N, C-alpha and C. Protein backbone atom coordinates (compact mmCIF):
# COMPACT_ATOMS: atom_id res chain seq x y z
N MET A 1 -13.89 -3.28 -17.82
CA MET A 1 -14.74 -3.96 -16.84
C MET A 1 -15.30 -5.25 -17.26
N TYR A 2 -15.39 -5.53 -18.44
CA TYR A 2 -15.94 -6.73 -19.16
C TYR A 2 -15.03 -7.85 -18.43
N GLY A 3 -15.62 -8.90 -18.16
CA GLY A 3 -15.19 -10.08 -17.61
C GLY A 3 -14.48 -10.21 -16.24
N ASN A 4 -14.76 -9.16 -15.50
CA ASN A 4 -14.93 -9.31 -13.75
C ASN A 4 -16.07 -10.14 -13.76
N VAL A 5 -17.02 -9.67 -13.14
CA VAL A 5 -18.24 -10.29 -12.83
C VAL A 5 -19.46 -9.91 -13.57
N ALA A 6 -20.47 -11.00 -13.65
CA ALA A 6 -21.49 -10.38 -14.44
C ALA A 6 -22.45 -9.24 -13.50
N GLU A 7 -23.22 -8.20 -14.06
CA GLU A 7 -23.72 -7.06 -13.20
C GLU A 7 -24.89 -7.56 -12.86
N TRP A 8 -25.54 -7.48 -11.80
CA TRP A 8 -26.84 -7.55 -11.63
C TRP A 8 -27.54 -6.19 -11.64
N CYS A 9 -28.88 -6.56 -12.34
CA CYS A 9 -29.80 -5.29 -12.71
C CYS A 9 -30.82 -5.13 -12.01
N ASN A 10 -31.48 -4.05 -11.49
CA ASN A 10 -32.70 -3.86 -10.96
C ASN A 10 -34.07 -4.03 -11.80
N ASP A 11 -33.85 -4.30 -13.06
CA ASP A 11 -34.58 -4.85 -14.21
C ASP A 11 -35.24 -6.10 -14.04
N PHE A 12 -36.59 -6.58 -14.21
CA PHE A 12 -37.41 -7.62 -14.13
C PHE A 12 -36.54 -8.36 -15.40
N TYR A 13 -36.53 -9.76 -15.65
CA TYR A 13 -35.82 -10.45 -16.94
C TYR A 13 -36.91 -10.70 -17.52
N ALA A 14 -37.31 -10.55 -18.98
CA ALA A 14 -38.00 -10.98 -20.00
C ALA A 14 -37.41 -11.60 -21.02
N GLU A 15 -37.44 -12.77 -21.35
CA GLU A 15 -36.38 -13.10 -22.68
C GLU A 15 -36.39 -12.43 -23.87
N LYS A 16 -37.41 -12.05 -24.19
CA LYS A 16 -37.85 -11.27 -25.75
C LYS A 16 -37.80 -9.69 -25.57
N TYR A 17 -37.82 -9.33 -24.20
CA TYR A 17 -37.73 -7.91 -24.16
C TYR A 17 -36.44 -7.12 -24.77
N PRO A 18 -36.42 -5.86 -25.24
CA PRO A 18 -37.55 -5.34 -25.07
C PRO A 18 -38.31 -5.45 -26.41
N SER A 19 -38.48 -6.38 -26.93
CA SER A 19 -39.64 -6.69 -28.32
C SER A 19 -41.19 -5.79 -28.03
N GLY A 20 -41.28 -4.81 -28.68
CA GLY A 20 -42.39 -4.11 -28.35
C GLY A 20 -42.42 -3.11 -27.21
N GLY A 21 -41.14 -2.91 -26.73
CA GLY A 21 -40.71 -2.03 -25.63
C GLY A 21 -40.10 -0.70 -25.98
N PRO A 22 -39.59 0.13 -25.31
CA PRO A 22 -38.69 1.12 -25.90
C PRO A 22 -37.46 0.88 -26.19
N VAL A 23 -37.08 1.18 -27.32
CA VAL A 23 -35.48 1.06 -27.62
C VAL A 23 -34.63 1.87 -26.84
N LYS A 24 -34.95 2.71 -26.63
CA LYS A 24 -33.88 3.78 -25.86
C LYS A 24 -34.01 3.37 -24.21
N ASP A 25 -32.97 3.30 -23.50
CA ASP A 25 -33.18 3.03 -22.08
C ASP A 25 -34.51 2.35 -21.51
N PRO A 26 -34.62 0.49 -22.14
CA PRO A 26 -35.63 0.08 -21.55
C PRO A 26 -35.52 -0.43 -20.20
N ARG A 27 -36.47 -0.55 -19.64
CA ARG A 27 -36.14 -0.48 -18.28
C ARG A 27 -36.99 -2.05 -17.96
N GLY A 28 -37.41 -3.06 -18.82
CA GLY A 28 -37.85 -4.32 -18.61
C GLY A 28 -39.37 -4.39 -18.15
N PRO A 29 -39.95 -5.41 -17.93
CA PRO A 29 -41.15 -5.71 -17.50
C PRO A 29 -41.64 -5.00 -16.51
N ASP A 30 -42.75 -4.84 -15.51
CA ASP A 30 -43.21 -4.25 -14.57
C ASP A 30 -42.86 -5.37 -13.53
N ARG A 31 -43.25 -6.66 -13.41
CA ARG A 31 -43.03 -7.39 -12.57
C ARG A 31 -42.26 -9.17 -13.10
N GLY A 32 -41.68 -9.66 -12.43
CA GLY A 32 -41.25 -11.01 -12.84
C GLY A 32 -40.47 -11.71 -11.80
N ASP A 33 -40.27 -13.10 -12.06
CA ASP A 33 -39.60 -13.52 -11.01
C ASP A 33 -37.54 -13.58 -10.84
N GLN A 34 -37.35 -13.18 -12.04
CA GLN A 34 -36.02 -13.09 -12.58
C GLN A 34 -35.48 -11.31 -12.46
N ARG A 35 -34.36 -11.50 -12.01
CA ARG A 35 -33.57 -9.86 -12.96
C ARG A 35 -32.45 -10.26 -13.62
N VAL A 36 -32.60 -9.14 -14.30
CA VAL A 36 -31.76 -9.08 -15.36
C VAL A 36 -29.85 -9.13 -14.95
N LEU A 37 -29.12 -10.00 -15.32
CA LEU A 37 -27.75 -9.94 -15.43
C LEU A 37 -27.34 -9.74 -16.67
N ARG A 38 -25.88 -8.48 -16.53
CA ARG A 38 -25.78 -7.95 -17.98
C ARG A 38 -24.36 -8.19 -17.84
N GLY A 39 -23.65 -8.31 -19.02
CA GLY A 39 -22.12 -8.79 -19.30
C GLY A 39 -21.67 -10.13 -18.68
N GLY A 40 -20.57 -10.65 -18.86
CA GLY A 40 -19.95 -11.52 -18.53
C GLY A 40 -19.24 -11.48 -17.80
N SER A 41 -18.44 -12.63 -16.79
CA SER A 41 -17.55 -12.74 -15.67
C SER A 41 -16.48 -13.46 -16.12
N TRP A 42 -15.92 -13.51 -15.19
CA TRP A 42 -14.45 -14.69 -15.57
C TRP A 42 -14.74 -15.61 -15.68
N ASN A 43 -15.67 -16.45 -16.06
CA ASN A 43 -15.85 -17.67 -16.40
C ASN A 43 -16.66 -17.93 -17.69
N SER A 44 -17.16 -16.56 -18.26
CA SER A 44 -17.86 -16.65 -19.30
C SER A 44 -16.90 -16.69 -20.75
N GLY A 45 -17.95 -17.15 -22.00
CA GLY A 45 -17.24 -16.86 -23.13
C GLY A 45 -17.02 -15.70 -23.67
N PRO A 46 -16.53 -15.24 -24.72
CA PRO A 46 -16.08 -13.70 -25.30
C PRO A 46 -17.64 -13.31 -25.91
N ASP A 47 -18.66 -13.88 -26.03
CA ASP A 47 -19.90 -13.57 -26.74
C ASP A 47 -20.70 -13.17 -25.23
N ALA A 48 -20.71 -13.31 -24.21
CA ALA A 48 -20.95 -12.95 -23.08
C ALA A 48 -20.48 -11.58 -22.35
N CYS A 49 -19.18 -11.40 -22.86
CA CYS A 49 -18.53 -10.33 -22.18
C CYS A 49 -18.52 -8.98 -22.79
N ARG A 50 -19.95 -8.36 -23.14
CA ARG A 50 -20.51 -7.02 -23.68
C ARG A 50 -21.65 -6.73 -23.21
N SER A 51 -21.80 -5.51 -23.13
CA SER A 51 -22.85 -4.63 -22.42
C SER A 51 -24.21 -5.33 -22.61
N ALA A 52 -24.37 -5.76 -23.96
CA ALA A 52 -25.63 -6.05 -24.74
C ALA A 52 -26.10 -7.58 -24.10
N ALA A 53 -24.99 -8.41 -23.60
CA ALA A 53 -25.50 -9.81 -23.18
C ALA A 53 -26.20 -9.77 -22.07
N ARG A 54 -27.15 -10.49 -21.97
CA ARG A 54 -27.96 -10.67 -20.67
C ARG A 54 -28.36 -11.94 -20.77
N LYS A 55 -29.01 -12.09 -19.60
CA LYS A 55 -29.76 -13.26 -18.85
C LYS A 55 -30.40 -13.06 -17.99
N GLY A 56 -31.29 -14.18 -17.08
CA GLY A 56 -31.80 -13.91 -15.98
C GLY A 56 -31.79 -14.85 -14.95
N GLU A 57 -31.72 -14.17 -13.54
CA GLU A 57 -31.32 -15.49 -12.90
C GLU A 57 -32.27 -14.87 -11.48
N THR A 58 -32.52 -15.95 -10.68
CA THR A 58 -33.87 -15.59 -9.55
C THR A 58 -32.83 -14.97 -8.19
N PRO A 59 -32.99 -13.98 -7.80
CA PRO A 59 -32.05 -13.18 -6.60
C PRO A 59 -31.80 -14.15 -5.74
N GLY A 60 -33.05 -14.79 -5.25
CA GLY A 60 -33.08 -15.60 -4.00
C GLY A 60 -31.96 -16.86 -4.03
N LEU A 61 -31.88 -17.31 -5.22
CA LEU A 61 -31.20 -18.40 -5.48
C LEU A 61 -29.74 -18.21 -5.80
N ALA A 62 -29.52 -16.80 -5.68
CA ALA A 62 -27.91 -16.59 -6.29
C ALA A 62 -26.91 -16.29 -5.07
N ASP A 63 -26.31 -17.17 -4.91
CA ASP A 63 -25.56 -16.54 -3.44
C ASP A 63 -24.41 -17.74 -3.51
N VAL A 64 -23.30 -17.33 -2.70
CA VAL A 64 -22.14 -17.87 -2.69
C VAL A 64 -22.08 -19.34 -2.59
N CYS A 65 -23.13 -19.74 -1.78
CA CYS A 65 -23.53 -21.23 -1.20
C CYS A 65 -23.42 -21.74 -2.40
N PHE A 66 -24.10 -21.25 -3.57
CA PHE A 66 -24.70 -22.39 -4.56
C PHE A 66 -23.28 -22.15 -5.99
N GLY A 67 -22.45 -21.04 -5.46
CA GLY A 67 -21.38 -21.20 -6.38
C GLY A 67 -21.40 -19.88 -7.54
N TYR A 68 -22.34 -19.16 -6.97
CA TYR A 68 -22.21 -18.04 -8.13
C TYR A 68 -21.31 -16.49 -7.98
N GLU A 69 -20.15 -16.85 -7.78
CA GLU A 69 -18.95 -16.00 -7.17
C GLU A 69 -18.80 -15.08 -8.38
N ALA A 70 -19.38 -15.47 -9.93
CA ALA A 70 -19.53 -14.67 -11.00
C ALA A 70 -20.51 -13.37 -10.94
N TYR A 71 -21.18 -13.47 -9.99
CA TYR A 71 -21.91 -12.15 -10.21
C TYR A 71 -21.70 -10.86 -9.34
N GLY A 72 -21.84 -10.00 -9.49
CA GLY A 72 -21.62 -8.71 -8.65
C GLY A 72 -22.58 -7.56 -9.12
N PHE A 73 -22.32 -6.07 -8.49
CA PHE A 73 -22.99 -5.30 -8.82
C PHE A 73 -22.44 -3.75 -8.59
N ARG A 74 -23.03 -2.81 -9.56
CA ARG A 74 -22.37 -1.53 -9.29
C ARG A 74 -23.30 -0.72 -8.60
N CYS A 75 -22.75 -0.12 -7.82
CA CYS A 75 -23.60 1.46 -6.87
C CYS A 75 -23.60 2.52 -7.88
N VAL A 76 -24.85 2.97 -7.91
CA VAL A 76 -24.97 4.10 -8.99
C VAL A 76 -25.70 5.20 -8.18
N ARG A 77 -25.75 6.52 -9.23
CA ARG A 77 -26.66 7.29 -8.48
C ARG A 77 -26.84 8.57 -9.71
N ARG A 78 -27.81 9.26 -9.56
CA ARG A 78 -28.13 10.01 -10.83
C ARG A 78 -27.32 11.56 -10.50
N ALA A 79 -26.42 11.66 -11.49
CA ALA A 79 -25.65 13.33 -11.29
C ALA A 79 -26.72 14.02 -11.41
N ALA A 80 -26.35 15.37 -10.41
CA ALA A 80 -26.79 16.28 -10.09
C ALA A 80 -26.86 17.13 -11.51
N ALA A 81 -27.73 18.12 -11.93
CA ALA A 81 -27.93 18.59 -13.13
C ALA A 81 -26.60 19.53 -13.34
N ALA A 82 -26.00 20.00 -12.16
CA ALA A 82 -24.67 20.77 -12.54
C ALA A 82 -23.61 19.87 -12.74
N GLU A 83 -23.70 18.81 -12.18
CA GLU A 83 -22.63 17.75 -12.38
C GLU A 83 -22.56 16.96 -13.89
N SER A 84 -23.72 17.04 -14.46
CA SER A 84 -23.92 16.25 -15.82
C SER A 84 -23.17 16.54 -16.64
N GLY A 85 -22.95 17.91 -17.12
CA GLY A 85 -21.92 18.30 -18.35
C GLY A 85 -20.52 18.26 -17.85
N ALA A 86 -19.86 17.81 -16.24
CA ALA A 86 -19.18 17.97 -16.00
C ALA A 86 -17.78 16.84 -16.40
N GLY A 87 -17.00 17.35 -17.27
CA GLY A 87 -16.25 16.20 -17.71
C GLY A 87 -14.78 17.05 -18.01
N PRO A 88 -13.96 16.09 -18.53
CA PRO A 88 -12.46 16.33 -18.78
C PRO A 88 -12.43 17.48 -19.62
N ALA A 89 -13.18 17.61 -20.83
CA ALA A 89 -13.35 18.94 -21.50
C ALA A 89 -14.11 19.96 -20.80
N ALA A 90 -14.87 19.87 -19.75
CA ALA A 90 -15.09 21.10 -19.13
C ALA A 90 -14.66 21.58 -18.24
N ALA A 91 -13.50 20.95 -17.77
CA ALA A 91 -12.72 21.05 -16.87
C ALA A 91 -11.29 22.45 -17.54
N LYS A 92 -11.71 22.78 -18.65
CA LYS A 92 -10.59 24.07 -19.18
C LYS A 92 -11.21 25.33 -18.18
């Protein structure tokens, strides 16, 4: 999945976060002007094509009119409790 498009995240961006914040599943600051972009895109260097790579961008300015064809998003939902343990190993 790396190298296709950078992923928009719902978290607000802070350059030094999670410094002083939670280590596991950090959510970002409570407010801000920019949102987090994670991973790299087809026009990124190798150092940006990893999950930990992050930068901030103002969502209102990032559209195809400004050439941001390298950003995307992934729809996710929380798994129901009964589904959370179901994987290939659980299918036996």
